[in-house]
């Protein structure tokens, strides 16, 4: 019964994604057409001021920019359906190659950041709710509220100033493909900054839900049976609080995508964020649409996985 409910959930989300992704691609082309940036100017750079008008016109025709935006979109759609995502004007490579080179780095950073955020939130949220009103609870809540309004890029710059400049313990940016240890050293700061940017909402949600679950009748009964407080909190209170916590993780995925973009830019991480910025500045339709669709699909998939995790934790949330 649970498997059937999960399959139905996946099919419903797929039904939503099928019209949503084409709509997103249309929106990207329309926004690109309204952009004040001229791709030809970006293509030529400063040479545009000395280039002959005939040469500029030929370049515009060669790039397909002389066509109306609807025609450009249909050409792109035909190629995408047949597996050809076009060539990125920004990088001079097929879009598939650009994504294949950069996506693993983004997945590594996003996965490490989200894992760190969940683990730290679980530890601090449980610590805060264990003794509400105590010094640990007040400290955790104060730090969480302080981090809520702190921009991600400012966190990144602060981390670089402390751990890469004042205390030169970790690299300030870039990535290393020279082995596991060098890669982890380059990953440490951006992953930690990405995790900290997601922490406030996760900590406060878990703390609040754990306080609510610890006041439930079944927890009171567990305490009345003389069970140790550690067992009461971790085995009776925490499982109930995990349901809204997992849901919060799912709803934070769009913020995670935005955070990855900012963190990659601050730390010069070789992921898709830098490519997205370049594509936006150059009005590089093929690359911009591919990366936007990739981000949209990641959010949809992440929300689906979060809902499935909730269903697995508590089958009462779904009907067979």
Protein backbone atom coordinates (compact mmCIF):
# COMPACT_ATOMS: atom_id res chain seq x y z
CA UNK A 1 0.00 0.00 0.00
CA UNK A 2 2.81 2.42 0.89
CA UNK A 3 4.66 1.63 -2.35
CA UNK A 4 1.50 2.34 -4.36
CA UNK A 5 1.06 5.68 -2.58
CA UNK A 6 4.67 6.63 -3.27
CA UNK A 7 4.30 5.75 -6.96
CA UNK A 8 1.17 7.87 -7.17
CA UNK A 9 2.98 10.76 -5.51
CA UNK A 10 5.83 10.50 -8.03
CA UNK A 11 3.39 10.38 -10.96
CA UNK A 12 1.53 13.46 -9.72
CA UNK A 13 4.77 15.41 -9.42
CA UNK A 14 5.81 14.25 -12.89
CA UNK A 15 2.48 15.46 -14.25
CA UNK A 16 3.24 18.87 -12.75
CA UNK A 17 6.80 18.94 -14.09
CA UNK A 18 5.84 18.11 -17.69
CA UNK A 19 4.09 21.46 -18.39
CA UNK A 20 6.18 23.42 -15.87
CA UNK A 21 9.59 22.86 -17.45
CA UNK A 22 8.54 24.05 -20.95
CA UNK A 23 6.88 27.08 -19.33
CA UNK A 24 10.14 27.89 -17.55
CA UNK A 25 12.08 27.62 -20.80
CA UNK A 26 9.65 30.02 -22.52
CA UNK A 27 9.99 32.47 -19.62
CA UNK A 28 13.79 32.40 -19.90
CA UNK A 29 13.67 33.25 -23.60
CA UNK A 30 11.18 36.08 -23.01
CA UNK A 31 13.28 37.52 -20.19
CA UNK A 32 16.35 37.26 -22.37
CA UNK A 33 14.58 39.14 -25.16
CA UNK A 34 13.69 41.91 -22.68
CA UNK A 35 17.26 42.10 -21.38
CA UNK A 36 19.22 45.32 -22.09
CA UNK A 37 22.29 43.21 -22.90
CA UNK A 38 22.99 42.61 -26.59
CA UNK A 39 24.65 39.20 -27.12
CA UNK A 40 26.60 40.54 -30.10
CA UNK A 41 28.12 43.29 -27.95
CA UNK A 42 29.11 40.69 -25.38
CA UNK A 43 30.54 38.49 -28.16
CA UNK A 44 32.73 41.27 -29.58
CA UNK A 45 33.64 42.98 -26.33
CA UNK A 46 35.52 46.23 -26.88
CA UNK A 47 36.05 45.30 -30.55
CA UNK A 48 32.43 46.23 -31.18
CA UNK A 49 33.46 49.91 -31.36
CA UNK A 50 35.80 49.30 -34.30
CA UNK A 51 33.96 46.48 -36.07
CA UNK A 52 32.30 47.16 -39.42
CA UNK A 53 28.51 47.11 -39.46
CA UNK A 54 28.54 44.43 -42.14
CA UNK A 55 30.72 42.17 -39.98
CA UNK A 56 28.45 42.71 -36.99
CA UNK A 57 25.41 41.87 -39.11
CA UNK A 58 27.06 38.66 -40.37
CA UNK A 59 27.95 37.67 -36.81
CA UNK A 60 24.40 38.31 -35.68
CA UNK A 61 23.11 36.11 -38.50
CA UNK A 62 25.67 33.36 -37.76
CA UNK A 63 24.62 33.30 -34.11
CA UNK A 64 20.95 33.16 -35.08
CA UNK A 65 20.25 36.48 -33.38
CA UNK A 66 18.65 38.03 -36.46
CA UNK A 67 15.60 35.79 -35.94
CA UNK A 68 12.68 36.81 -33.72
CA UNK A 69 12.75 35.34 -30.24
CA UNK A 70 9.92 32.91 -30.95
CA UNK A 71 11.88 31.48 -33.88
CA UNK A 72 15.00 31.15 -31.73
CA UNK A 73 12.96 29.32 -29.13
CA UNK A 74 11.48 26.88 -31.64
CA UNK A 75 14.95 26.15 -33.04
CA UNK A 76 16.24 25.52 -29.53
CA UNK A 77 13.23 23.34 -28.65
CA UNK A 78 13.69 21.20 -31.76
CA UNK A 79 17.34 20.64 -30.88
CA UNK A 80 16.58 19.93 -27.22
CA UNK A 81 13.96 17.32 -28.12
CA UNK A 82 16.48 15.55 -30.37
CA UNK A 83 19.20 15.68 -27.73
CA UNK A 84 21.13 18.67 -29.05
CA UNK A 85 21.12 21.43 -26.42
CA UNK A 86 23.09 23.76 -28.66
CA UNK A 87 26.45 25.48 -28.30
CA UNK A 88 27.20 27.96 -25.54
CA UNK A 89 28.30 31.30 -26.94
CA UNK A 90 29.90 32.15 -23.60
CA UNK A 91 32.24 29.15 -23.50
CA UNK A 92 32.43 28.10 -27.14
CA UNK A 93 31.49 24.53 -26.15
CA UNK A 94 28.39 22.38 -26.49
CA UNK A 95 26.03 23.04 -23.61
CA UNK A 96 26.12 19.36 -22.65
CA UNK A 97 29.91 19.56 -22.19
CA UNK A 98 29.72 22.69 -20.06
CA UNK A 99 27.10 21.10 -17.79
CA UNK A 100 28.95 17.77 -17.61
CA UNK A 101 32.18 19.50 -16.56
CA UNK A 102 30.64 21.73 -13.91
CA UNK A 103 27.64 19.84 -12.51
CA UNK A 104 29.66 17.32 -10.42
CA UNK A 105 31.34 20.19 -8.55
CA UNK A 106 27.98 21.80 -7.81
CA UNK A 107 26.48 18.51 -6.65
CA UNK A 108 29.48 17.95 -4.37
CA UNK A 109 29.13 21.40 -2.80
CA UNK A 110 25.34 21.26 -2.46
CA UNK A 111 25.40 17.75 -1.04
CA UNK A 112 28.13 18.55 1.48
CA UNK A 113 26.45 21.81 2.52
CA UNK A 114 23.01 20.24 2.97
CA UNK A 115 24.42 17.27 4.90
CA UNK A 116 26.36 19.56 7.23
CA UNK A 117 23.30 21.77 7.74
CA UNK A 118 21.08 18.81 8.66
CA UNK A 119 23.62 17.28 11.05
CA UNK A 120 24.39 20.57 12.80
CA UNK A 121 20.69 21.47 13.01
CA UNK A 122 19.87 18.10 14.56
CA UNK A 123 22.60 18.50 17.18
CA UNK A 124 21.83 22.11 18.08
CA UNK A 125 18.03 21.78 17.83
CA UNK A 126 17.98 18.81 20.20
CA UNK A 127 20.43 20.55 22.56
CA UNK A 128 18.25 23.67 22.68
CA UNK A 129 15.00 21.77 23.30
CA UNK A 130 16.50 19.40 25.86
CA UNK A 131 16.40 22.04 28.57
CA UNK A 132 14.20 24.93 27.33
CA UNK A 133 15.17 28.26 28.83
CA UNK A 134 18.64 27.07 29.82
CA UNK A 135 21.85 28.73 28.78
CA UNK A 136 22.34 26.36 25.81
CA UNK A 137 18.79 27.01 24.57
CA UNK A 138 19.20 30.79 24.84
CA UNK A 139 22.59 30.70 23.09
CA UNK A 140 21.38 28.52 20.21
CA UNK A 141 18.24 30.59 19.65
CA UNK A 142 20.20 33.85 19.78
CA UNK A 143 22.74 32.61 17.22
CA UNK A 144 19.99 31.27 14.94
CA UNK A 145 18.10 34.57 14.95
CA UNK A 146 21.34 36.47 14.36
CA UNK A 147 22.14 34.38 11.29
CA UNK A 148 18.65 34.81 9.79
CA UNK A 149 19.33 38.24 8.35
CA UNK A 150 22.99 37.71 7.43
CA UNK A 151 23.55 37.58 3.64
CA UNK A 152 25.29 34.49 2.31
CA UNK A 153 27.95 36.44 0.44
CA UNK A 154 28.82 38.31 3.64
CA UNK A 155 29.20 35.00 5.47
CA UNK A 156 31.51 33.85 2.71
CA UNK A 157 33.66 36.97 2.78
CA UNK A 158 33.87 36.75 6.59
CA UNK A 159 34.94 33.11 6.41
CA UNK A 160 37.66 33.97 3.89
CA UNK A 161 38.87 36.88 6.05
CA UNK A 162 39.14 34.68 9.15
CA UNK A 163 40.16 31.23 7.92
CA UNK A 164 42.07 32.06 4.73
CA UNK A 165 43.65 35.44 5.52
CA UNK A 166 43.92 36.05 9.28
CA UNK A 167 44.38 32.34 10.06
CA UNK A 168 45.62 30.83 6.79
CA UNK A 169 44.23 27.39 7.52
CA UNK A 170 42.15 26.77 4.40
CA UNK A 171 42.24 27.88 0.73
CA UNK A 172 40.31 31.05 -0.06
CA UNK A 173 38.73 29.70 -3.23
CA UNK A 174 38.89 27.49 -6.26
CA UNK A 175 38.95 23.71 -6.26
CA UNK A 176 41.54 21.01 -6.49
CA UNK A 177 41.50 17.84 -8.56
CA UNK A 178 44.79 16.64 -7.12
CA UNK A 179 43.30 14.11 -4.72
CA UNK A 180 40.76 13.61 -1.95
CA UNK A 181 42.51 15.60 0.78
CA UNK A 182 43.21 18.74 -1.32
CA UNK A 183 39.62 18.64 -2.63
CA UNK A 184 38.23 18.41 0.91
CA UNK A 185 40.40 21.34 2.02
CA UNK A 186 39.02 23.49 -0.81
CA UNK A 187 35.49 22.25 -0.12
CA UNK A 188 35.53 22.90 3.64
CA UNK A 189 34.91 26.66 3.68
CA UNK A 190 32.23 26.93 0.94
CA UNK A 191 30.36 23.89 2.29
CA UNK A 192 30.42 25.29 5.83
CA UNK A 193 29.21 28.70 4.67
CA UNK A 194 26.41 27.10 2.64
CA UNK A 195 25.40 25.02 5.67
CA UNK A 196 25.40 28.01 8.03
CA UNK A 197 23.21 29.95 5.60
CA UNK A 198 20.55 27.21 5.86
CA UNK A 199 20.84 26.59 9.60
CA UNK A 200 18.55 29.19 11.26
CA UNK A 201 15.26 27.86 9.89
CA UNK A 202 16.25 24.23 10.38
CA UNK A 203 17.35 24.73 13.99
CA UNK A 204 14.34 26.81 15.01
CA UNK A 205 11.89 24.41 13.31
CA UNK A 206 13.37 21.34 14.98
CA UNK A 207 13.56 23.04 18.38
CA UNK A 208 9.94 24.19 18.24
CA UNK A 209 8.58 20.87 17.00
CA UNK A 210 10.61 18.94 19.56
CA UNK A 211 9.23 21.12 22.36
CA UNK A 212 5.71 20.40 21.10
CA UNK A 213 6.32 16.66 20.84
CA UNK A 214 7.89 16.53 24.33
CA UNK A 215 4.61 17.90 25.73
CA UNK A 216 2.54 15.11 24.12
CA UNK A 217 0.78 12.51 26.22
CA UNK A 218 2.92 9.61 25.00
CA UNK A 219 6.07 11.43 26.12
CA UNK A 220 4.52 12.20 29.49
CA UNK A 221 3.65 8.52 29.84
CA UNK A 222 7.23 7.57 28.97
CA UNK A 223 8.54 9.85 31.70
CA UNK A 224 6.00 8.40 34.16
CA UNK A 225 7.42 4.94 33.47
CA UNK A 226 10.78 6.19 34.73
CA UNK A 227 12.62 6.12 31.41
CA UNK A 228 15.87 8.12 31.25
CA UNK A 229 15.48 11.64 29.82
CA UNK A 230 17.88 10.79 26.99
CA UNK A 231 15.61 7.93 25.91
CA UNK A 232 12.50 10.09 26.26
CA UNK A 233 13.94 12.85 24.07
CA UNK A 234 15.70 10.80 21.40
CA UNK A 235 13.36 7.81 21.06
CA UNK A 236 9.95 9.29 21.89
CA UNK A 237 10.12 13.01 21.16
CA UNK A 238 12.58 13.32 18.26
CA UNK A 239 10.88 10.91 15.80
CA UNK A 240 7.68 12.97 15.94
CA UNK A 241 9.60 16.24 15.47
CA UNK A 242 11.44 14.85 12.44
CA UNK A 243 8.34 14.98 10.23
CA UNK A 244 8.05 18.79 10.04
CA UNK A 245 11.86 19.02 10.07
CA UNK A 246 12.15 16.93 6.91
CA UNK A 247 9.36 18.99 5.32
CA UNK A 248 11.28 22.17 6.16
CA UNK A 249 14.40 20.75 4.53
CA UNK A 250 12.36 20.20 1.37
CA UNK A 251 10.90 23.71 1.37
CA UNK A 252 14.38 25.19 1.81
CA UNK A 253 15.69 23.66 -1.43
CA UNK A 254 15.04 26.79 -3.55
CA UNK A 255 17.04 28.76 -0.98
CA UNK A 256 19.75 26.12 -1.19
CA UNK A 257 19.96 26.59 -4.97
CA UNK A 258 20.28 30.37 -4.52
CA UNK A 259 22.85 29.86 -1.78
CA UNK A 260 24.93 27.58 -4.00
CA UNK A 261 25.04 30.28 -6.69
CA UNK A 262 26.26 32.91 -4.22
CA UNK A 263 28.76 30.62 -2.50
CA UNK A 264 30.24 29.43 -5.79
CA UNK A 265 30.74 33.02 -6.91
CA UNK A 266 32.36 34.10 -3.63
CA UNK A 267 34.71 31.11 -3.51
CA UNK A 268 35.32 30.82 -7.29
CA UNK A 269 34.02 27.26 -7.13
CA UNK A 270 34.02 25.70 -10.63
CA UNK A 271 30.34 24.71 -10.60
CA UNK A 272 27.38 25.71 -12.71
CA UNK A 273 26.84 29.03 -10.88
CA UNK A 274 29.68 30.78 -12.66
CA UNK A 275 28.38 29.44 -15.95
CA UNK A 276 24.89 30.73 -15.11
CA UNK A 277 26.22 34.21 -14.40
CA UNK A 278 28.18 34.24 -17.66
CA UNK A 279 25.16 32.96 -19.57
CA UNK A 280 22.97 35.67 -18.06
CA UNK A 281 25.38 38.48 -18.89
CA UNK A 282 25.89 37.22 -22.44
CA UNK A 283 22.20 36.38 -22.99
CA UNK A 284 23.45 32.89 -23.88
CA UNK A 285 20.04 31.31 -24.49
CA UNK A 286 21.11 27.65 -24.88
CA UNK A 287 23.21 27.56 -21.70
CA UNK A 288 20.91 29.81 -19.68
CA UNK A 289 17.83 27.71 -20.44
CA UNK A 290 19.65 24.43 -19.73
CA UNK A 291 20.92 25.62 -16.35
CA UNK A 292 17.56 27.14 -15.37
CA UNK A 293 15.75 23.93 -16.24
CA UNK A 294 18.37 21.98 -14.31
CA UNK A 295 17.82 24.13 -11.20
CA UNK A 296 14.02 23.82 -11.55
CA UNK A 297 14.24 20.05 -11.92
CA UNK A 298 16.54 19.85 -8.88
CA UNK A 299 14.01 21.73 -6.72
CA UNK A 300 11.12 19.55 -7.93
CA UNK A 301 13.09 16.36 -7.34
CA UNK A 302 14.25 17.52 -3.93
CA UNK A 303 10.71 18.34 -2.82
CA UNK A 304 9.54 14.95 -4.03
CA UNK A 305 12.31 13.17 -2.10
CA UNK A 306 11.47 15.16 1.04
CA UNK A 307 7.78 14.22 0.79
CA UNK A 308 8.71 10.59 0.20
CA UNK A 309 10.97 10.66 3.25
CA UNK A 310 8.08 12.00 5.34
CA UNK A 311 5.83 9.24 4.00
CA UNK A 312 8.42 6.60 4.89
CA UNK A 313 8.89 8.00 8.39
CA UNK A 314 5.15 8.20 9.03
CA UNK A 315 2.89 6.21 6.65
CA UNK A 316 -0.15 8.00 8.10
CA UNK A 317 0.73 11.05 5.98
CA UNK A 318 -0.24 9.22 2.78
CA UNK A 319 -3.16 7.09 1.74
CA UNK A 320 -2.71 3.94 -0.26
